[in-house]
Amino acid sequence: MKHYMPVRVFSESGAVEQNAGLFRECGSRCALITGKSSAVRSGALADVSEVLNRGGIPFCAFDGIEQNPSVRSCITAGRTASAFGAEFIVGIGGGSALDAAKAAAVFAANPELNEEGFYRKEWENTPLPILLVGTTAGTGSEVTKVSVLTDSRGRKHSIHDDRLFAAAAFGDPKYTASLPQAVTLSTGIDVLSHCAESYFNRNADEISRAFAMRGIRLLLQPLREAAEGKEPDLSQRQALYDASILGGLAICGTGTCFPHNVGYYLTETRGILHGFASAYFLPALLEQVMKKMPEYGEGFFRELGVSYEEVPTLIRLCLPENGITMTEEEILSVLPRWENNNSVRNTCCEVTTEDIRGILERQFMKN
């Protein structure tokens, strides 16, 4: 496997202020891409604005990025940046804002580009340089070349391209301190999904497995305590953030497996937070591996130092009551989207459409 990870990552207290010179290296005019609240609430927007003002770098701000960002919002963000004459993009927020910033960098450099051209990668000009400031400990988008967006049909799709790697990423654990417990749990369980799906991936190798295993080890204790209602302290938030970066590095080499892609459906149709949506199917991944590749699964838990039962128990502790129900008709109608799906095929053991049908029926069909 080729591991290509060019992002400079600064995961430390005061990461933005201590590395202010990197902003000037990217250009003389900037566009900030954020959502409505987290960039402000976390203090990250204030820190970035101060660094830009101190460096004499004019900037505009686009704060119209929603959860599960739409291609339409990214087009608007990119054209706003282009009209301002921005020479680089700074994304501030959780995975939605960071994924949107990557897409906005494409549209800023190619303001006439439409949705179809974006997905076909008909990018005449190279995307603007990107800096990313994370305010959640979850997606690992800071270190990946992936942007997950919702298209005009309401379907989530990921686009992968080396040109979407950020020039640098900044992670200050204090930015995650303002997160509601539900977001801490959703993003934390998303990290667990990334690491497990990377480990149990056909593309996994020793490097990706090392990232995944270290990420889970960092994650387990602070996530368990958060699920029990305890507020993470700064050192635990640092561990959660570092785990999210390791998870991002892991999936950067392997991609994800079926829990992520099947989870997209819950987000699209039921509004379930992305991390929770993936995690609803994570126990099923572990179950499939233990049934079909028991030696590999047992080796994973042995190396991790926990029993098989502990991980699904932790997942259930983190997940909220969802009240989701599906009819057999709905399940049968949606199954074709996972036929010949890359994420399903990437799972280390064979997972068939019938397997997914059984998983959905057991979880969401009433007796």
Protein backbone atom coordinates (compact mmCIF):
# COMPACT_ATOMS: atom_id res chain seq x y z
CA MET A 1 0.00 0.00 0.00
CA LYS A 2 1.14 3.55 -0.69
CA HIS A 3 0.94 5.75 2.40
CA TYR A 4 0.93 9.39 1.33
CA MET A 5 0.38 11.78 4.23
CA PRO A 6 1.70 15.25 3.42
CA VAL A 7 -0.31 17.19 6.04
CA ARG A 8 1.65 18.97 8.74
CA VAL A 9 -0.28 18.37 11.97
CA PHE A 10 0.02 20.55 15.06
CA SER A 11 -1.87 18.90 17.90
CA GLU A 12 -1.06 20.97 20.96
CA SER A 13 -2.24 23.77 23.20
CA GLY A 14 -2.02 27.08 21.35
CA ALA A 15 -1.54 25.33 18.00
CA VAL A 16 -2.86 28.23 15.90
CA GLU A 17 -0.99 31.00 17.69
CA GLN A 18 2.29 29.11 17.88
CA ASN A 19 2.31 28.40 14.14
CA ALA A 20 0.98 31.71 12.85
CA GLY A 21 3.65 31.97 10.17
CA LEU A 22 2.08 29.14 8.20
CA PHE A 23 -0.90 31.33 7.33
CA ARG A 24 1.30 33.88 5.57
CA GLU A 25 3.03 31.06 3.67
CA CYS A 26 -0.30 30.14 2.05
CA GLY A 27 -1.11 33.57 0.64
CA SER A 28 -2.03 37.18 1.28
CA ARG A 29 -5.86 36.95 1.22
CA CYS A 30 -7.98 34.33 2.94
CA ALA A 31 -11.51 32.91 3.08
CA LEU A 32 -12.75 31.30 6.31
CA ILE A 33 -15.24 28.45 5.88
CA THR A 34 -17.28 27.55 8.99
CA GLY A 35 -20.65 26.49 10.31
CA LYS A 36 -22.94 28.76 12.30
CA SER A 37 -21.78 28.06 15.84
CA SER A 38 -18.88 25.74 16.70
CA ALA A 39 -16.13 27.95 15.29
CA VAL A 40 -17.37 30.84 17.44
CA ARG A 41 -18.29 28.85 20.54
CA SER A 42 -14.97 27.00 20.65
CA GLY A 43 -12.87 30.17 20.37
CA ALA A 44 -11.15 28.87 17.23
CA LEU A 45 -12.57 31.58 14.98
CA ALA A 46 -11.33 34.29 17.35
CA ASP A 47 -7.84 32.76 17.44
CA VAL A 48 -7.61 32.45 13.66
CA SER A 49 -8.99 35.97 13.12
CA GLU A 50 -6.41 37.39 15.52
CA VAL A 51 -3.57 35.61 13.73
CA LEU A 52 -4.78 36.87 10.36
CA ASN A 53 -5.24 40.43 11.60
CA ARG A 54 -1.85 40.43 13.25
CA GLY A 55 -0.30 39.17 10.04
CA GLY A 56 -2.04 41.80 7.92
CA ILE A 57 -3.99 39.20 5.94
CA PRO A 58 -7.47 40.40 4.83
CA PHE A 59 -10.15 37.74 5.06
CA CYS A 60 -13.81 37.09 4.38
CA ALA A 61 -15.94 34.60 6.27
CA PHE A 62 -18.59 32.18 5.00
CA ASP A 63 -20.53 30.56 7.84
CA GLY A 64 -23.26 28.79 5.87
CA ILE A 65 -21.96 25.22 6.18
CA GLU A 66 -24.57 22.85 7.55
CA GLN A 67 -24.23 19.39 9.10
CA ASN A 68 -23.65 16.88 6.30
CA PRO A 69 -22.68 19.76 4.01
CA SER A 70 -24.34 20.08 0.63
CA VAL A 71 -22.49 20.56 -2.61
CA ARG A 72 -24.65 23.64 -3.13
CA SER A 73 -23.29 25.30 0.04
CA CYS A 74 -19.73 24.48 -1.00
CA ILE A 75 -20.29 26.03 -4.41
CA THR A 76 -21.55 29.21 -2.75
CA ALA A 77 -18.62 29.21 -0.31
CA GLY A 78 -16.11 28.73 -3.11
CA ARG A 79 -17.60 31.47 -5.28
CA THR A 80 -17.65 33.82 -2.28
CA ALA A 81 -13.96 33.12 -1.75
CA SER A 82 -13.23 33.63 -5.45
CA ALA A 83 -15.09 36.97 -5.56
CA PHE A 84 -13.05 38.14 -2.56
CA GLY A 85 -9.83 37.19 -4.31
CA ALA A 86 -8.86 34.66 -1.65
CA GLU A 87 -5.54 32.93 -2.18
CA PHE A 88 -6.12 30.23 0.43
CA ILE A 89 -8.90 28.63 2.45
CA VAL A 90 -9.13 28.06 6.21
CA GLY A 91 -11.74 25.56 7.36
CA ILE A 92 -12.77 25.80 11.02
CA GLY A 93 -15.07 23.32 12.73
CA GLY A 94 -15.93 19.66 12.85
CA GLY A 95 -15.86 17.21 9.98
CA SER A 96 -18.64 18.96 8.08
CA ALA A 97 -16.85 22.30 7.96
CA LEU A 98 -13.49 20.71 7.16
CA ASP A 99 -14.90 18.57 4.35
CA ALA A 100 -16.72 21.63 3.00
CA ALA A 101 -13.52 23.70 3.12
CA LYS A 102 -11.81 21.16 0.87
CA ALA A 103 -14.62 21.35 -1.66
CA ALA A 104 -14.77 25.14 -1.39
CA ALA A 105 -11.07 25.26 -2.28
CA VAL A 106 -11.95 23.49 -5.54
CA PHE A 107 -14.85 25.81 -6.35
CA ALA A 108 -12.84 28.92 -5.41
CA ALA A 109 -10.24 27.99 -8.00
CA ASN A 110 -12.93 26.93 -10.49
CA PRO A 111 -15.91 29.24 -9.85
CA GLU A 112 -17.82 28.11 -12.96
CA LEU A 113 -17.65 24.44 -11.94
CA ASN A 114 -20.97 22.69 -11.25
CA GLU A 115 -21.82 19.62 -9.16
CA GLU A 116 -21.38 17.14 -12.00
CA GLY A 117 -18.00 18.57 -12.96
CA PHE A 118 -16.91 18.47 -9.33
CA TYR A 119 -17.63 14.75 -8.97
CA ARG A 120 -16.10 14.02 -12.37
CA LYS A 121 -13.00 15.98 -11.23
CA GLU A 122 -13.11 18.31 -14.20
CA TRP A 123 -11.01 20.80 -12.27
CA GLU A 124 -9.19 23.03 -14.72
CA ASN A 125 -7.35 24.82 -11.91
CA THR A 126 -5.68 23.34 -8.84
CA PRO A 127 -7.67 23.87 -5.61
CA LEU A 128 -6.52 26.75 -3.40
CA PRO A 129 -4.19 25.84 -0.51
CA ILE A 130 -6.12 24.64 2.53
CA LEU A 131 -5.52 25.03 6.27
CA LEU A 132 -7.81 23.16 8.67
CA VAL A 133 -8.61 23.93 12.31
CA GLY A 134 -10.50 21.13 14.04
CA THR A 135 -13.00 21.80 16.81
CA THR A 136 -14.17 18.22 17.33
CA ALA A 137 -12.32 14.96 17.98
CA GLY A 138 -13.96 12.75 15.43
CA THR A 139 -13.66 12.60 11.68
CA GLY A 140 -9.91 12.92 11.18
CA SER A 141 -10.75 14.99 8.10
CA GLU A 142 -7.73 17.14 8.94
CA VAL A 143 -5.38 14.48 7.54
CA THR A 144 -7.39 12.87 4.74
CA LYS A 145 -7.88 13.63 1.07
CA VAL A 146 -11.60 12.94 1.40
CA SER A 147 -14.60 15.27 1.28
CA VAL A 148 -18.00 13.77 2.12
CA LEU A 149 -20.85 15.89 0.77
CA THR A 150 -24.58 15.60 0.21
CA ASP A 151 -25.52 15.91 -3.44
CA SER A 152 -28.57 17.56 -4.98
CA ARG A 153 -30.54 14.31 -4.62
CA GLY A 154 -29.92 14.18 -0.88
CA ARG A 155 -27.39 11.34 -1.12
CA LYS A 156 -24.05 11.40 0.71
CA HIS A 157 -21.02 10.76 -1.48
CA SER A 158 -17.32 10.91 -0.78
CA ILE A 159 -14.76 12.24 -3.22
CA HIS A 160 -11.07 11.31 -2.89
CA ASP A 161 -8.24 13.28 -4.42
CA ASP A 162 -4.64 14.01 -3.44
CA ARG A 163 -5.28 17.69 -4.21
CA LEU A 164 -7.65 17.84 -1.23
CA PHE A 165 -4.92 17.26 1.34
CA ALA A 166 -4.50 20.28 3.61
CA ALA A 167 -1.19 22.12 3.79
CA ALA A 168 -1.44 22.02 7.59
CA ALA A 169 -3.92 21.16 10.34
CA PHE A 170 -4.24 22.62 13.83
CA GLY A 171 -5.78 20.79 16.76
CA ASP A 172 -5.99 22.52 20.12
CA PRO A 173 -7.84 20.32 22.64
CA LYS A 174 -9.38 23.39 24.28
CA TYR A 175 -11.53 23.86 21.17
CA THR A 176 -13.38 20.62 21.95
CA ALA A 177 -14.24 21.67 25.54
CA SER A 178 -17.43 23.46 24.47
CA LEU A 179 -18.92 20.40 22.78
CA PRO A 180 -22.25 19.06 24.07
CA GLN A 181 -22.01 15.53 25.43
CA ALA A 182 -23.93 14.13 22.45
CA VAL A 183 -21.33 15.53 20.05
CA THR A 184 -18.42 14.30 22.19
CA LEU A 185 -19.94 10.82 22.13
CA SER A 186 -20.90 10.92 18.44
CA THR A 187 -17.47 12.08 17.33
CA GLY A 188 -15.68 9.74 19.72
CA ILE A 189 -17.62 6.72 18.50
CA ASP A 190 -16.88 7.85 14.93
CA VAL A 191 -13.17 7.54 15.74
CA LEU A 192 -13.76 4.00 17.02
CA SER A 193 -15.57 3.22 13.76
CA HIS A 194 -12.73 4.64 11.66
CA CYS A 195 -10.11 2.63 13.51
CA ALA A 196 -12.06 -0.64 13.54
CA GLU A 197 -13.16 -0.31 9.92
CA SER A 198 -9.58 0.38 8.88
CA TYR A 199 -8.23 -2.57 10.86
CA PHE A 200 -10.83 -4.96 9.40
CA ASN A 201 -10.29 -3.73 5.86
CA ARG A 202 -8.97 -5.67 2.88
CA ASN A 203 -6.54 -2.81 2.24
CA ALA A 204 -5.05 -2.88 5.77
CA ASP A 205 -1.32 -3.34 6.28
CA GLU A 206 1.04 -3.10 9.23
CA ILE A 207 1.15 0.70 9.11
CA SER A 208 -2.62 1.25 8.95
CA ARG A 209 -3.21 -1.38 11.64
CA ALA A 210 -0.68 0.35 13.91
CA PHE A 211 -2.51 3.68 13.48
CA ALA A 212 -5.86 2.00 14.15
CA MET A 213 -4.73 0.06 17.21
CA ARG A 214 -3.04 3.06 18.82
CA GLY A 215 -6.11 5.20 18.14
CA ILE A 216 -8.43 2.74 19.87
CA ARG A 217 -6.12 2.39 22.86
CA LEU A 218 -6.07 6.17 23.32
CA LEU A 219 -9.82 6.36 22.90
CA LEU A 220 -11.29 3.64 25.10
CA GLN A 221 -10.92 5.08 28.59
CA PRO A 222 -11.95 8.72 27.92
CA LEU A 223 -14.84 7.56 25.71
CA ARG A 224 -16.05 5.17 28.37
CA GLU A 225 -15.95 7.89 31.02
CA ALA A 226 -17.75 10.35 28.72
CA ALA A 227 -20.44 7.73 28.11
CA GLU A 228 -20.86 7.47 31.89
CA GLY A 229 -21.54 11.20 32.04
CA LYS A 230 -18.11 12.40 33.18
CA GLU A 231 -16.77 15.59 31.62
CA PRO A 232 -13.40 14.87 29.92
CA ASP A 233 -10.51 16.90 31.28
CA LEU A 234 -7.98 18.58 28.99
CA SER A 235 -5.63 15.57 28.91
CA GLN A 236 -8.50 13.27 27.96
CA ARG A 237 -9.60 15.70 25.26
CA GLN A 238 -6.05 15.66 23.93
CA ALA A 239 -6.18 11.86 23.85
CA LEU A 240 -9.52 11.94 22.02
CA TYR A 241 -8.19 14.42 19.47
CA ASP A 242 -4.99 12.46 18.90
CA ALA A 243 -7.07 9.31 18.45
CA SER A 244 -9.15 11.07 15.81
CA ILE A 245 -6.00 11.99 13.89
CA LEU A 246 -4.75 8.41 14.10
CA GLY A 247 -8.13 7.21 12.85
CA GLY A 248 -7.89 9.64 9.96
CA LEU A 249 -4.41 8.39 9.09
CA ALA A 250 -5.67 4.81 9.24
CA ILE A 251 -8.61 5.30 6.86
CA CYS A 252 -6.46 7.51 4.62
CA GLY A 253 -4.61 4.33 3.70
CA THR A 254 -7.52 1.88 3.65
CA GLY A 255 -10.88 3.59 3.35
CA THR A 256 -13.85 2.49 5.45
CA CYS A 257 -16.02 -0.65 5.50
CA PHE A 258 -19.75 -1.24 5.38
CA PRO A 259 -20.77 0.46 8.69
CA HIS A 260 -19.94 3.90 7.32
CA ASN A 261 -21.73 3.48 4.02
CA VAL A 262 -24.79 1.80 5.50
CA GLY A 263 -24.79 4.48 8.20
CA TYR A 264 -25.10 7.17 5.53
CA TYR A 265 -28.64 5.93 4.92
CA LEU A 266 -29.63 6.61 8.55
CA THR A 267 -28.21 10.12 8.33
CA GLU A 268 -30.00 10.85 5.05
CA THR A 269 -33.40 9.46 6.04
CA ARG A 270 -33.52 9.72 9.85
CA GLY A 271 -31.22 12.67 10.60
CA ILE A 272 -28.97 10.54 12.83
CA LEU A 273 -25.60 12.15 13.67
CA HIS A 274 -22.94 10.66 11.43
CA GLY A 275 -20.87 9.07 14.20
CA PHE A 276 -23.88 7.39 15.78
CA ALA A 277 -25.17 6.28 12.37
CA SER A 278 -21.95 4.39 11.60
CA ALA A 279 -21.69 2.97 15.11
CA TYR A 280 -25.12 1.34 14.94
CA PHE A 281 -23.52 -1.10 12.49
CA LEU A 282 -20.11 -1.46 14.14
CA PRO A 283 -21.14 -4.41 16.39
CA ALA A 284 -22.37 -6.14 13.23
CA LEU A 285 -18.92 -5.68 11.66
CA LEU A 286 -17.27 -7.26 14.70
CA GLU A 287 -19.81 -10.08 14.63
CA GLN A 288 -19.18 -10.77 10.94
CA VAL A 289 -15.41 -10.88 11.47
CA MET A 290 -15.65 -13.14 14.53
CA LYS A 291 -17.93 -15.52 12.62
CA LYS A 292 -16.06 -15.59 9.32
CA MET A 293 -12.43 -14.82 10.32
CA PRO A 294 -12.27 -15.80 14.01
CA GLU A 295 -8.48 -15.98 14.27
CA TYR A 296 -8.09 -12.46 12.87
CA GLY A 297 -10.81 -11.12 15.14
CA GLU A 298 -9.42 -12.84 18.23
CA GLY A 299 -5.96 -11.46 17.42
CA PHE A 300 -7.38 -7.94 17.30
CA PHE A 301 -8.96 -8.18 20.76
CA ARG A 302 -5.91 -9.93 22.17
CA GLU A 303 -3.64 -7.13 20.94
CA LEU A 304 -6.08 -4.52 22.18
CA GLY A 305 -6.14 -6.15 25.61
CA VAL A 306 -9.93 -6.30 26.01
CA SER A 307 -12.51 -9.02 25.55
CA TYR A 308 -14.77 -9.17 22.53
CA GLU A 309 -17.82 -8.35 24.66
CA GLU A 310 -16.35 -5.10 26.02
CA VAL A 311 -16.35 -3.23 22.72
CA PRO A 312 -20.02 -3.79 21.73
CA THR A 313 -20.96 -2.98 25.33
CA LEU A 314 -19.12 0.35 25.10
CA ILE A 315 -20.77 1.10 21.77
CA ARG A 316 -24.23 0.50 23.22
CA LEU A 317 -23.35 2.72 26.19
CA CYS A 318 -22.49 5.57 23.81
CA LEU A 319 -25.47 5.24 21.49
CA PRO A 320 -28.71 7.09 22.23
CA GLU A 321 -32.12 5.50 22.00
CA ASN A 322 -33.12 6.00 18.38
CA GLY A 323 -36.63 4.63 17.92
CA ILE A 324 -35.77 3.71 14.34
CA THR A 325 -38.06 1.22 12.65
CA MET A 326 -37.97 -0.09 9.10
CA THR A 327 -40.44 -2.14 7.16
CA GLU A 328 -39.39 -5.10 5.07
CA GLU A 329 -40.46 -3.13 2.01
CA GLU A 330 -38.09 -0.26 2.89
CA ILE A 331 -35.19 -2.60 3.54
CA LEU A 332 -35.67 -4.42 0.23
CA SER A 333 -35.96 -1.12 -1.64
CA VAL A 334 -32.68 0.24 -0.30
CA LEU A 335 -30.51 -2.88 -0.59
CA PRO A 336 -29.44 -2.22 -4.23
CA ARG A 337 -27.37 0.79 -3.14
CA TRP A 338 -24.94 -1.63 -1.44
CA GLU A 339 -24.54 -4.04 -4.33
CA ASN A 340 -20.96 -3.80 -5.64
CA ASN A 341 -20.30 -0.97 -3.16
CA ASN A 342 -16.61 -0.30 -2.53
CA SER A 343 -16.97 0.09 1.23
CA VAL A 344 -18.85 -3.19 1.48
CA ARG A 345 -16.25 -4.94 -0.70
CA ASN A 346 -13.45 -3.47 1.40
CA THR A 347 -14.53 -5.43 4.47
CA CYS A 348 -11.91 -8.09 5.22
CA CYS A 349 -14.49 -10.89 5.21
CA GLU A 350 -17.18 -11.24 2.58
CA VAL A 351 -20.31 -9.26 3.43
CA THR A 352 -23.20 -9.89 1.07
CA THR A 353 -26.31 -7.88 0.39
CA GLU A 354 -28.21 -10.62 2.22
CA ASP A 355 -25.94 -10.09 5.23
CA ILE A 356 -26.83 -6.39 5.23
CA ARG A 357 -30.50 -7.26 4.87
CA GLY A 358 -30.25 -9.47 7.96
CA ILE A 359 -28.42 -6.76 9.93
CA LEU A 360 -31.11 -4.18 9.11
CA GLU A 361 -33.93 -6.58 9.91
CA ARG A 362 -32.48 -7.58 13.30
CA GLN A 363 -31.84 -3.99 14.30
CA PHE A 364 -34.84 -2.12 13.01
CA MET A 365 -37.76 -4.42 12.15
CA LYS A 366 -40.41 -4.86 14.82
CA ASN A 367 -41.27 -8.43 15.77
